[in-house]
C-alpha atoms as a PDB file:
ATOM      1  CA  MET A   1     -56.076 -82.721  36.264  1.00  0.00           C
ATOM      2  CA  LYS A   2     -57.177 -85.834  38.205  1.00  0.00           C
ATOM      3  CA  GLU A   3     -60.753 -85.324  37.037  1.00  0.00           C
ATOM      4  CA  ARG A   4     -59.570 -84.974  33.455  1.00  0.00           C
ATOM      5  CA  LEU A   5     -57.523 -88.167  33.650  1.00  0.00           C
ATOM      6  CA  LYS A   6     -60.469 -90.111  35.091  1.00  0.00           C
ATOM      7  CA  THR A   7     -62.456 -89.332  31.958  1.00  0.00           C
ATOM      8  CA  ALA A   8     -59.656 -89.223  29.395  1.00  0.00           C
ATOM      9  CA  ILE A   9     -58.119 -92.615  30.221  1.00  0.00           C
ATOM     10  CA  PRO A  10     -61.310 -94.665  29.528  1.00  0.00           C
ATOM     11  CA  LEU A  11     -61.833 -92.696  26.299  1.00  0.00           C
ATOM     12  CA  ILE A  12     -58.237 -93.352  25.238  1.00  0.00           C
ATOM     13  CA  LEU A  13     -58.660 -97.057  26.037  1.00  0.00           C
ATOM     14  CA  LEU A  14     -61.760 -97.219  23.831  1.00  0.00           C
ATOM     15  CA  VAL A  15     -59.847 -95.624  20.943  1.00  0.00           C
ATOM     16  CA  VAL A  16     -56.907 -97.995  21.462  1.00  0.00           C
ATOM     17  CA  LEU A  17     -59.291-100.957  21.461  1.00  0.00           C
ATOM     18  CA  ALA A  18     -60.825 -99.802  18.161  1.00  0.00           C
ATOM     19  CA  PHE A  19     -57.361 -99.692  16.592  1.00  0.00           C
ATOM     20  CA  ALA A  20     -56.149-102.927  18.182  1.00  0.00           C
ATOM     21  CA  LEU A  21     -59.072-105.257  17.424  1.00  0.00           C
ATOM     22  CA  PRO A  22     -58.362-107.248  14.256  1.00  0.00           C
ATOM     23  CA  GLY A  23     -60.395-107.317  11.047  1.00  0.00           C
ATOM     24  CA  ILE A  24     -64.156-106.947  11.115  1.00  0.00           C
ATOM     25  CA  TYR A  25     -64.246-106.684  14.921  1.00  0.00           C
ATOM     26  CA  GLY A  26     -62.078-103.587  14.878  1.00  0.00           C
ATOM     27  CA  ASN A  27     -64.058-102.159  11.948  1.00  0.00           C
ATOM     28  CA  ILE A  28     -67.395-102.563  13.719  1.00  0.00           C
ATOM     29  CA  PHE A  29     -66.077-101.296  17.060  1.00  0.00           C
ATOM     30  CA  PHE A  30     -64.594 -98.218  15.376  1.00  0.00           C
ATOM     31  CA  LEU A  31     -67.877 -97.655  13.520  1.00  0.00           C
ATOM     32  CA  LEU A  32     -69.851 -97.682  16.775  1.00  0.00           C
ATOM     33  CA  LEU A  33     -67.303 -95.466  18.527  1.00  0.00           C
ATOM     34  CA  ALA A  34     -67.203 -93.014  15.614  1.00  0.00           C
ATOM     35  CA  PHE A  35     -70.990 -92.843  15.442  1.00  0.00           C
ATOM     36  CA  GLY A  36     -71.226 -92.259  19.192  1.00  0.00           C
ATOM     37  CA  MET A  37     -68.746 -89.397  19.004  1.00  0.00           C
ATOM     38  CA  LEU A  38     -70.426 -87.910  15.928  1.00  0.00           C
ATOM     39  CA  ALA A  39     -73.863 -88.117  17.539  1.00  0.00           C
ATOM     40  CA  CYS A  40     -72.551 -86.435  20.695  1.00  0.00           C
ATOM     41  CA  GLY A  41     -70.740 -83.850  18.586  1.00  0.00           C
ATOM     42  CA  CYS A  42     -73.917 -83.067  16.651  1.00  0.00           C
ATOM     43  CA  HIS A  43     -75.853 -82.719  19.895  1.00  0.00           C
ATOM     44  CA  GLU A  44     -73.262 -80.317  21.304  1.00  0.00           C
ATOM     45  CA  ALA A  45     -73.133 -78.257  18.094  1.00  0.00           C
ATOM     46  CA  TYR A  46     -76.915 -77.919  17.898  1.00  0.00           C
ATOM     47  CA  THR A  47     -77.038 -77.026  21.595  1.00  0.00           C
ATOM     48  CA  MET A  48     -74.687 -74.102  20.934  1.00  0.00           C
ATOM     49  CA  VAL A  49     -76.846 -72.511  18.225  1.00  0.00           C
ATOM     50  CA  ASP A  50     -80.129 -70.729  18.842  1.00  0.00           C
ATOM     51  CA  ILE A  51     -82.225 -71.886  15.887  1.00  0.00           C
ATOM     52  CA  THR A  52     -85.764 -73.021  15.205  1.00  0.00           C
ATOM     53  CA  LEU A  53     -86.554 -76.593  14.056  1.00  0.00           C
ATOM     54  CA  LYS A  54     -83.552 -77.685  16.132  1.00  0.00           C
ATOM     55  CA  ARG A  55     -84.814 -81.155  17.049  1.00  0.00           C
ATOM     56  CA  PRO A  56     -85.803 -82.424  13.552  1.00  0.00           C
ATOM     57  CA  LEU A  57     -82.698 -80.894  11.940  1.00  0.00           C
ATOM     58  CA  GLN A  58     -80.429 -82.534  14.521  1.00  0.00           C
ATOM     59  CA  ILE A  59     -82.096 -85.928  14.007  1.00  0.00           C
ATOM     60  CA  CYS A  60     -81.716 -85.546  10.240  1.00  0.00           C
ATOM     61  CA  SER A  61     -77.986 -84.750  10.546  1.00  0.00           C
ATOM     62  CA  THR A  62     -77.397 -87.676  12.917  1.00  0.00           C
ATOM     63  CA  ILE A  63     -79.175 -90.168  10.643  1.00  0.00           C
ATOM     64  CA  PHE A  64     -77.201 -89.120   7.570  1.00  0.00           C
ATOM     65  CA  ALA A  65     -73.962 -89.110   9.581  1.00  0.00           C
ATOM     66  CA  ALA A  66     -74.643 -92.776  10.417  1.00  0.00           C
ATOM     67  CA  LEU A  67     -75.385 -93.552   6.756  1.00  0.00           C
ATOM     68  CA  LEU A  68     -72.172 -91.959   5.508  1.00  0.00           C
ATOM     69  CA  LEU A  69     -70.173 -93.765   8.195  1.00  0.00           C
ATOM     70  CA  LEU A  70     -71.594 -97.077   6.978  1.00  0.00           C
ATOM     71  CA  LEU A  71     -70.593 -96.165   3.421  1.00  0.00           C
ATOM     72  CA  ALA A  72     -67.103 -95.370   4.662  1.00  0.00           C
ATOM     73  CA  MET A  73     -66.765 -98.863   6.133  1.00  0.00           C
ATOM     74  CA  PHE A  74     -68.271-100.856   3.267  1.00  0.00           C
ATOM     75  CA  GLN A  75     -67.225 -98.820   0.229  1.00  0.00           C
ATOM     76  CA  HIS A  76     -63.925 -97.359   1.471  1.00  0.00           C
ATOM     77  CA  GLN A  77     -64.457 -94.407  -0.848  1.00  0.00           C
ATOM     78  CA  ILE A  78     -65.943 -91.626   1.261  1.00  0.00           C
ATOM     79  CA  PRO A  79     -66.410 -88.856   0.378  1.00  0.00           C
ATOM     80  CA  PHE A  80     -66.445 -89.067  -3.410  1.00  0.00           C
ATOM     81  CA  THR A  81     -68.420 -92.141  -4.524  1.00  0.00           C
ATOM     82  CA  PRO A  82     -71.688 -91.719  -6.454  1.00  0.00           C
ATOM     83  CA  VAL A  83     -73.578 -93.275  -3.541  1.00  0.00           C
ATOM     84  CA  ALA A  84     -72.066 -90.787  -1.096  1.00  0.00           C
ATOM     85  CA  MET A  85     -72.909 -87.909  -3.403  1.00  0.00           C
ATOM     86  CA  ALA A  86     -76.478 -89.186  -3.725  1.00  0.00           C
ATOM     87  CA  ALA A  87     -76.713 -89.476   0.078  1.00  0.00           C
ATOM     88  CA  THR A  88     -75.519 -85.879   0.401  1.00  0.00           C
ATOM     89  CA  SER A  89     -78.154 -84.734  -2.084  1.00  0.00           C
ATOM     90  CA  LEU A  90     -80.796 -86.611  -0.091  1.00  0.00           C
ATOM     91  CA  TYR A  91     -79.554 -84.919   3.080  1.00  0.00           C
ATOM     92  CA  ILE A  92     -80.015 -81.471   1.515  1.00  0.00           C
ATOM     93  CA  LEU A  93     -83.489 -82.408   0.269  1.00  0.00           C
ATOM     94  CA  ALA A  94     -84.402 -83.809   3.708  1.00  0.00           C
ATOM     95  CA  ASN A  95     -83.432 -80.488   5.303  1.00  0.00           C
ATOM     96  CA  PHE A  96     -85.665 -78.589   2.908  1.00  0.00           C
ATOM     97  CA  ALA A  97     -88.471 -81.124   3.423  1.00  0.00           C
ATOM     98  CA  ILE A  98     -88.329 -80.272   7.136  1.00  0.00           C
ATOM     99  CA  LEU A  99     -88.437 -76.576   6.227  1.00  0.00           C
ATOM    100  CA  PHE A 100     -91.395 -77.008   3.868  1.00  0.00           C
ATOM    101  CA  ARG A 101     -93.271 -79.083   6.454  1.00  0.00           C
ATOM    102  CA  HIS A 102     -93.080 -76.101   8.785  1.00  0.00           C
ATOM    103  CA  LYS A 103     -93.500 -72.441   7.986  1.00  0.00           C
ATOM    104  CA  PRO A 104     -90.861 -71.448   5.360  1.00  0.00           C
ATOM    105  CA  ASN A 105     -90.146 -68.041   6.888  1.00  0.00           C
ATOM    106  CA  GLN A 106     -86.806 -66.226   7.190  1.00  0.00           C
ATOM    107  CA  GLU A 107     -86.056 -67.631  10.644  1.00  0.00           C
ATOM    108  CA  ASN A 108     -86.638 -71.245   9.633  1.00  0.00           C
ATOM    109  CA  LEU A 109     -84.691 -70.766   6.403  1.00  0.00           C
ATOM    110  CA  LEU A 110     -81.661 -69.459   8.322  1.00  0.00           C
ATOM    111  CA  SER A 111     -81.986 -72.408  10.708  1.00  0.00           C
ATOM    112  CA  THR A 112     -81.903 -74.820   7.754  1.00  0.00           C
ATOM    113  CA  PHE A 113     -78.720 -73.281   6.384  1.00  0.00           C
ATOM    114  CA  ALA A 114     -77.183 -73.231   9.874  1.00  0.00           C
ATOM    115  CA  SER A 115     -77.914 -76.958  10.138  1.00  0.00           C
ATOM    116  CA  MET A 116     -76.194 -77.611   6.815  1.00  0.00           C
ATOM    117  CA  GLY A 117     -73.232 -75.604   8.057  1.00  0.00           C
ATOM    118  CA  ILE A 118     -72.961 -77.812  11.139  1.00  0.00           C
ATOM    119  CA  PHE A 119     -73.091 -80.888   8.913  1.00  0.00           C
ATOM    120  CA  LEU A 120     -70.300 -79.576   6.677  1.00  0.00           C
ATOM    121  CA  TYR A 121     -68.160 -78.360   9.570  1.00  0.00           C
ATOM    122  CA  LEU A 122     -68.526 -81.418  11.756  1.00  0.00           C
ATOM    123  CA  VAL A 123     -69.788 -84.509   9.928  1.00  0.00           C
ATOM    124  CA  TRP A 124     -68.053 -84.136   6.555  1.00  0.00           C
ATOM    125  CA  SER A 125     -64.749 -83.170   8.174  1.00  0.00           C
ATOM    126  CA  LEU A 126     -64.767 -86.038  10.664  1.00  0.00           C
ATOM    127  CA  LEU A 127     -65.835 -88.544   7.994  1.00  0.00           C
ATOM    128  CA  CYS A 128     -62.312 -88.091   6.667  1.00  0.00           C
ATOM    129  CA  ILE A 129     -61.101 -89.793   9.848  1.00  0.00           C
ATOM    130  CA  ALA A 130     -63.307 -92.807   9.098  1.00  0.00           C
ATOM    131  CA  ARG A 131     -62.096 -92.792   5.488  1.00  0.00           C
ATOM    132  CA  LEU A 132     -58.500 -92.974   6.708  1.00  0.00           C
ATOM    133  CA  PHE A 133     -59.259 -95.737   9.224  1.00  0.00           C
ATOM    134  CA  TYR A 134     -60.798 -98.007   6.577  1.00  0.00           C
ATOM    135  CA  LEU A 135     -58.233 -97.188   3.898  1.00  0.00           C
ATOM    136  CA  ASN A 136     -56.440-100.314   2.649  1.00  0.00           C
ATOM    137  CA  GLY A 137     -57.153-102.525   5.647  1.00  0.00           C
ATOM    138  CA  THR A 138     -55.043-102.128   8.784  1.00  0.00           C
ATOM    139  CA  HIS A 139     -52.521 -99.884   7.003  1.00  0.00           C
ATOM    140  CA  GLY A 140     -55.040 -97.061   7.071  1.00  0.00           C
ATOM    141  CA  ARG A 141     -55.292 -97.377  10.844  1.00  0.00           C
ATOM    142  CA  LEU A 142     -51.570 -96.726  11.238  1.00  0.00           C
ATOM    143  CA  LEU A 143     -51.774 -93.746   8.910  1.00  0.00           C
ATOM    144  CA  LEU A 144     -54.635 -92.330  10.967  1.00  0.00           C
ATOM    145  CA  LEU A 145     -52.590 -92.825  14.141  1.00  0.00           C
ATOM    146  CA  TYR A 146     -49.797 -90.839  12.511  1.00  0.00           C
ATOM    147  CA  MET A 147     -52.165 -87.940  11.862  1.00  0.00           C
ATOM    148  CA  ILE A 148     -53.745 -88.017  15.332  1.00  0.00           C
ATOM    149  CA  ALA A 149     -50.413 -88.284  17.160  1.00  0.00           C
ATOM    150  CA  THR A 150     -48.854 -85.432  15.204  1.00  0.00           C
ATOM    151  CA  THR A 151     -51.881 -83.177  15.699  1.00  0.00           C
ATOM    152  CA  LYS A 152     -52.507 -83.920  19.367  1.00  0.00           C
ATOM    153  CA  MET A 153     -48.850 -83.599  20.358  1.00  0.00           C
ATOM    154  CA  ALA A 154     -49.179 -79.974  19.291  1.00  0.00           C
ATOM    155  CA  ASP A 155     -51.769 -79.586  22.060  1.00  0.00           C
ATOM    156  CA  VAL A 156     -49.338 -81.131  24.543  1.00  0.00           C
ATOM    157  CA  GLY A 157     -46.470 -78.895  23.461  1.00  0.00           C
ATOM    158  CA  ALA A 158     -48.657 -75.781  23.514  1.00  0.00           C
ATOM    159  CA  TYR A 159     -49.829 -76.596  27.042  1.00  0.00           C
ATOM    160  CA  ILE A 160     -46.329 -77.299  28.404  1.00  0.00           C
ATOM    161  CA  ILE A 161     -44.566 -74.322  26.823  1.00  0.00           C
ATOM    162  CA  GLY A 162     -47.537 -71.974  27.166  1.00  0.00           C
ATOM    163  CA  SER A 163     -48.105 -72.658  30.872  1.00  0.00           C
ATOM    164  CA  SER A 164     -44.357 -72.511  31.594  1.00  0.00           C
ATOM    165  CA  THR A 165     -43.840 -69.149  29.894  1.00  0.00           C
ATOM    166  CA  ALA A 166     -46.985 -67.745  31.531  1.00  0.00           C
ATOM    167  CA  LYS A 167     -45.195 -68.027  34.902  1.00  0.00           C
ATOM    168  CA  MET A 168     -42.254 -65.930  33.731  1.00  0.00           C
ATOM    169  CA  PRO A 169     -41.966 -62.278  34.786  1.00  0.00           C
ATOM    170  CA  GLY A 170     -44.303 -60.313  32.535  1.00  0.00           C
ATOM    171  CA  GLY A 171     -46.006 -63.501  31.347  1.00  0.00           C
ATOM    172  CA  ASN A 172     -46.173 -64.567  27.715  1.00  0.00           C
ATOM    173  CA  HIS A 173     -47.570 -62.986  24.561  1.00  0.00           C
ATOM    174  CA  LYS A 174     -51.285 -63.662  24.140  1.00  0.00           C
ATOM    175  CA  LEU A 175     -52.354 -64.995  20.763  1.00  0.00           C
ATOM    176  CA  ALA A 176     -56.130 -64.450  20.844  1.00  0.00           C
ATOM    177  CA  PRO A 177     -57.067 -62.992  24.251  1.00  0.00           C
ATOM    178  CA  THR A 178     -60.707 -62.424  23.305  1.00  0.00           C
ATOM    179  CA  LEU A 179     -61.355 -65.987  22.168  1.00  0.00           C
ATOM    180  CA  SER A 180     -58.964 -67.969  24.352  1.00  0.00           C
ATOM    181  CA  PRO A 181     -57.025 -66.029  27.013  1.00  0.00           C
ATOM    182  CA  LYS A 182     -54.601 -68.882  27.714  1.00  0.00           C
ATOM    183  CA  LYS A 183     -53.404 -69.279  24.101  1.00  0.00           C
ATOM    184  CA  SER A 184     -50.021 -67.645  23.464  1.00  0.00           C
ATOM    185  CA  TRP A 185     -47.471 -67.254  20.690  1.00  0.00           C
ATOM    186  CA  GLU A 186     -45.023 -69.158  22.871  1.00  0.00           C
ATOM    187  CA  GLY A 187     -47.558 -71.983  23.127  1.00  0.00           C
ATOM    188  CA  LEU A 188     -47.942 -72.021  19.349  1.00  0.00           C
ATOM    189  CA  PHE A 189     -44.167 -72.289  18.987  1.00  0.00           C
ATOM    190  CA  GLY A 190     -44.037 -75.110  21.544  1.00  0.00           C
ATOM    191  CA  GLY A 191     -46.926 -76.915  19.907  1.00  0.00           C
ATOM    192  CA  THR A 192     -45.294 -76.669  16.491  1.00  0.00           C
ATOM    193  CA  LEU A 193     -42.018 -77.957  17.920  1.00  0.00           C
ATOM    194  CA  PHE A 194     -43.728 -80.992  19.472  1.00  0.00           C
ATOM    195  CA  SER A 195     -45.818 -81.622  16.361  1.00  0.00           C
ATOM    196  CA  VAL A 196     -42.816 -81.498  14.012  1.00  0.00           C
ATOM    197  CA  ALA A 197     -40.750 -83.708  16.336  1.00  0.00           C
ATOM    198  CA  THR A 198     -43.550 -86.304  16.421  1.00  0.00           C
ATOM    199  CA  ALA A 199     -44.028 -86.250  12.643  1.00  0.00           C
ATOM    200  CA  LEU A 200     -40.296 -86.790  12.109  1.00  0.00           C
ATOM    201  CA  LEU A 201     -39.790 -89.400  14.822  1.00  0.00           C
ATOM    202  CA  LEU A 202     -42.651 -91.537  13.502  1.00  0.00           C
ATOM    203  CA  LEU A 203     -40.842 -91.746  10.170  1.00  0.00           C
ATOM    204  CA  LEU A 204     -38.682 -94.312  11.995  1.00  0.00           C
ATOM    205  CA  ILE A 205     -41.749 -96.621  11.872  1.00  0.00           C
ATOM    206  CA  PRO A 206     -42.128 -97.087   8.077  1.00  0.00           C
ATOM    207  CA  ALA A 207     -45.528 -98.826   8.347  1.00  0.00           C
ATOM    208  CA  MET A 208     -47.076 -95.642   9.721  1.00  0.00           C
ATOM    209  CA  THR A 209     -46.211 -93.561   6.657  1.00  0.00           C
ATOM    210  CA  ARG A 210     -46.543 -96.107   3.831  1.00  0.00           C
ATOM    211  CA  LEU A 211     -49.619 -97.350   1.994  1.00  0.00           C
ATOM    212  CA  SER A 212     -49.820 -99.919  -0.806  1.00  0.00           C
ATOM    213  CA  GLY A 213     -46.014 -99.889  -0.964  1.00  0.00           C
ATOM    214  CA  ILE A 214     -45.945 -96.122  -1.530  1.00  0.00           C
ATOM    215  CA  LYS A 215     -43.880 -93.930   0.778  1.00  0.00           C
ATOM    216  CA  LEU A 216     -46.213 -91.061   1.630  1.00  0.00           C
ATOM    217  CA  PHE A 217     -43.911 -88.908   3.730  1.00  0.00           C
ATOM    218  CA  SER A 218     -40.286 -87.868   3.325  1.00  0.00           C
ATOM    219  CA  PHE A 219     -38.323 -85.756   5.798  1.00  0.00           C
ATOM    220  CA  GLY A 220     -39.469 -82.563   4.084  1.00  0.00           C
ATOM    221  CA  SER A 221     -43.159 -83.464   3.798  1.00  0.00           C
ATOM    222  CA  ALA A 222     -43.258 -84.728   7.400  1.00  0.00           C
ATOM    223  CA  LEU A 223     -41.678 -81.467   8.549  1.00  0.00           C
ATOM    224  CA  LEU A 224     -44.277 -79.496   6.592  1.00  0.00           C
ATOM    225  CA  PHE A 225     -47.144 -81.606   7.899  1.00  0.00           C
ATOM    226  CA  GLY A 226     -45.961 -81.077  11.481  1.00  0.00           C
ATOM    227  CA  ILE A 227     -46.168 -77.309  10.970  1.00  0.00           C
ATOM    228  CA  ILE A 228     -49.539 -77.488   9.204  1.00  0.00           C
ATOM    229  CA  ALA A 229     -51.016 -79.810  11.842  1.00  0.00           C
ATOM    230  CA  SER A 230     -49.979 -77.431  14.616  1.00  0.00           C
ATOM    231  CA  VAL A 231     -51.286 -74.253  12.955  1.00  0.00           C
ATOM    232  CA  ALA A 232     -54.479 -75.779  11.493  1.00  0.00           C
ATOM    233  CA  GLY A 233     -55.171 -77.580  14.769  1.00  0.00           C
ATOM    234  CA  LEU A 234     -54.820 -74.303  16.668  1.00  0.00           C
ATOM    235  CA  LEU A 235     -57.237 -72.606  14.261  1.00  0.00           C
ATOM    236  CA  GLY A 236     -59.705 -75.462  14.827  1.00  0.00           C
ATOM    237  CA  ASP A 237     -59.324 -74.959  18.565  1.00  0.00           C
ATOM    238  CA  LEU A 238     -59.925 -71.208  18.237  1.00  0.00           C
ATOM    239  CA  ALA A 239     -62.931 -71.793  15.970  1.00  0.00           C
ATOM    240  CA  GLU A 240     -64.527 -73.987  18.609  1.00  0.00           C
ATOM    241  CA  SER A 241     -63.665 -71.383  21.279  1.00  0.00           C
ATOM    242  CA  ALA A 242     -65.483 -68.798  19.165  1.00  0.00           C
ATOM    243  CA  LEU A 243     -68.559 -71.045  18.979  1.00  0.00           C
ATOM    244  CA  LYS A 244     -68.537 -71.560  22.753  1.00  0.00           C
ATOM    245  CA  ARG A 245     -68.063 -67.847  23.431  1.00  0.00           C
ATOM    246  CA  ALA A 246     -70.957 -66.990  21.114  1.00  0.00           C
ATOM    247  CA  ALA A 247     -73.096 -69.533  22.963  1.00  0.00           C
ATOM    248  CA  ASN A 248     -71.839 -68.281  26.350  1.00  0.00           C
ATOM    249  CA  LEU A 249     -70.533 -71.745  27.271  1.00  0.00           C
ATOM    250  CA  LYS A 250     -67.309 -72.762  28.999  1.00  0.00           C
ATOM    251  CA  ASP A 251     -67.292 -76.262  27.479  1.00  0.00           C
ATOM    252  CA  SER A 252     -69.072 -77.769  24.481  1.00  0.00           C
ATOM    253  CA  GLY A 253     -70.529 -80.567  26.618  1.00  0.00           C
ATOM    254  CA  ARG A 254     -70.861 -81.851  30.155  1.00  0.00           C
ATOM    255  CA  ILE A 255     -68.354 -84.704  30.248  1.00  0.00           C
ATOM    256  CA  PRO A 256     -66.482 -84.373  33.567  1.00  0.00           C
ATOM    257  CA  GLY A 257     -62.872 -83.325  33.162  1.00  0.00           C
ATOM    258  CA  ILE A 258     -62.756 -82.878  29.387  1.00  0.00           C
ATOM    259  CA  GLY A 259     -65.862 -80.791  28.666  1.00  0.00           C
ATOM    260  CA  GLY A 260     -67.346 -82.213  25.493  1.00  0.00           C
ATOM    261  CA  ILE A 261     -66.610 -84.269  22.409  1.00  0.00           C
ATOM    262  CA  LEU A 262     -66.017 -81.120  20.360  1.00  0.00           C
ATOM    263  CA  ASP A 263     -63.415 -80.041  22.917  1.00  0.00           C
ATOM    264  CA  VAL A 264     -61.573 -83.279  22.130  1.00  0.00           C
ATOM    265  CA  LEU A 265     -62.003 -83.227  18.343  1.00  0.00           C
ATOM    266  CA  ASP A 266     -61.657 -79.494  17.636  1.00  0.00           C
ATOM    267  CA  SER A 267     -58.051 -79.622  16.363  1.00  0.00           C
ATOM    268  CA  LEU A 268     -58.725 -82.697  14.200  1.00  0.00           C
ATOM    269  CA  ILE A 269     -61.691 -81.124  12.364  1.00  0.00           C
ATOM    270  CA  PRO A 270     -59.595 -78.946   9.997  1.00  0.00           C
ATOM    271  CA  VAL A 271     -56.571 -81.264   9.895  1.00  0.00           C
ATOM    272  CA  ALA A 272     -58.332 -84.496   8.821  1.00  0.00           C
ATOM    273  CA  PRO A 273     -59.575 -83.252   5.400  1.00  0.00           C
ATOM    274  CA  LEU A 274     -56.155 -81.737   4.602  1.00  0.00           C
ATOM    275  CA  PHE A 275     -54.373 -84.952   5.560  1.00  0.00           C
ATOM    276  CA  LEU A 276     -56.770 -87.150   3.584  1.00  0.00           C
ATOM    277  CA  ALA A 277     -56.459 -84.884   0.523  1.00  0.00           C
ATOM    278  CA  TYR A 278     -52.670 -85.217   0.658  1.00  0.00           C
ATOM    279  CA  VAL A 279     -52.826 -89.013   1.011  1.00  0.00           C
ATOM    280  CA  LEU A 280     -55.248 -89.440  -1.881  1.00  0.00           C
ATOM    281  CA  LEU A 281     -53.105 -87.182  -4.093  1.00  0.00           C
ATOM    282  CA  LYS A 282     -50.015 -89.276  -3.293  1.00  0.00           C
ATOM    283  CA  LEU A 283     -51.910 -92.480  -4.082  1.00  0.00           C
ATOM    284  CA  SER A 284     -53.369 -91.207  -7.369  1.00  0.00           C
END
């Protein structure tokens, strides 16, 4: 736990600084932080898969991740502007250009599609976080904090309730023993309880759930989001556990105490697109 705190606290401080810095300073700092985490995430994801053409495909994904992040900051319309769509098309063509430059055999073709899968799974999903951050000035930052707090409190609740019930006579009921032996149904219940409580309590801070004068969350929708964030976040966690198990790895990276960037972001990967979709529907 001490080792985890030594690493987690500086990372948390960097995130807090990105949210706290005003105007363009906060925007640029968040951009650099987001790119750093995406680049590390891409590196970890490509390390976990056994594919050919790994190096050029990883570089290609990282470059286009940086481009789409820049579009998110300056256009505030990721992921559906014409420029973003054109950039995505160029990314696909760049992947096939790498394939054509080498031998276009079955192995290299599968590697190309695997690379596109990593880009969709990781980069496109996490771009939704950047989209939320830059949405309508500083108001988007508060909305993003609402999403992160609600999702990550599920992890806290799952850990507290799961570890407590594991010490009871007979232990707890395992949720997915093959993928993650410590996950339990009791932990899922505890995580959902914490997530729902956070989503509802933050309604007391109106600025966190309003945008452009529109109230985005009521009691009912906050309750529903708390449940969805807990369940979807758990599925994201299990998905990353499956990737690590397939790669025969304990952690996605080698950051002392916390493992890797994907270990930190796993629950946010499926939640961010769902949350952004809901927000954009409410604003439309």
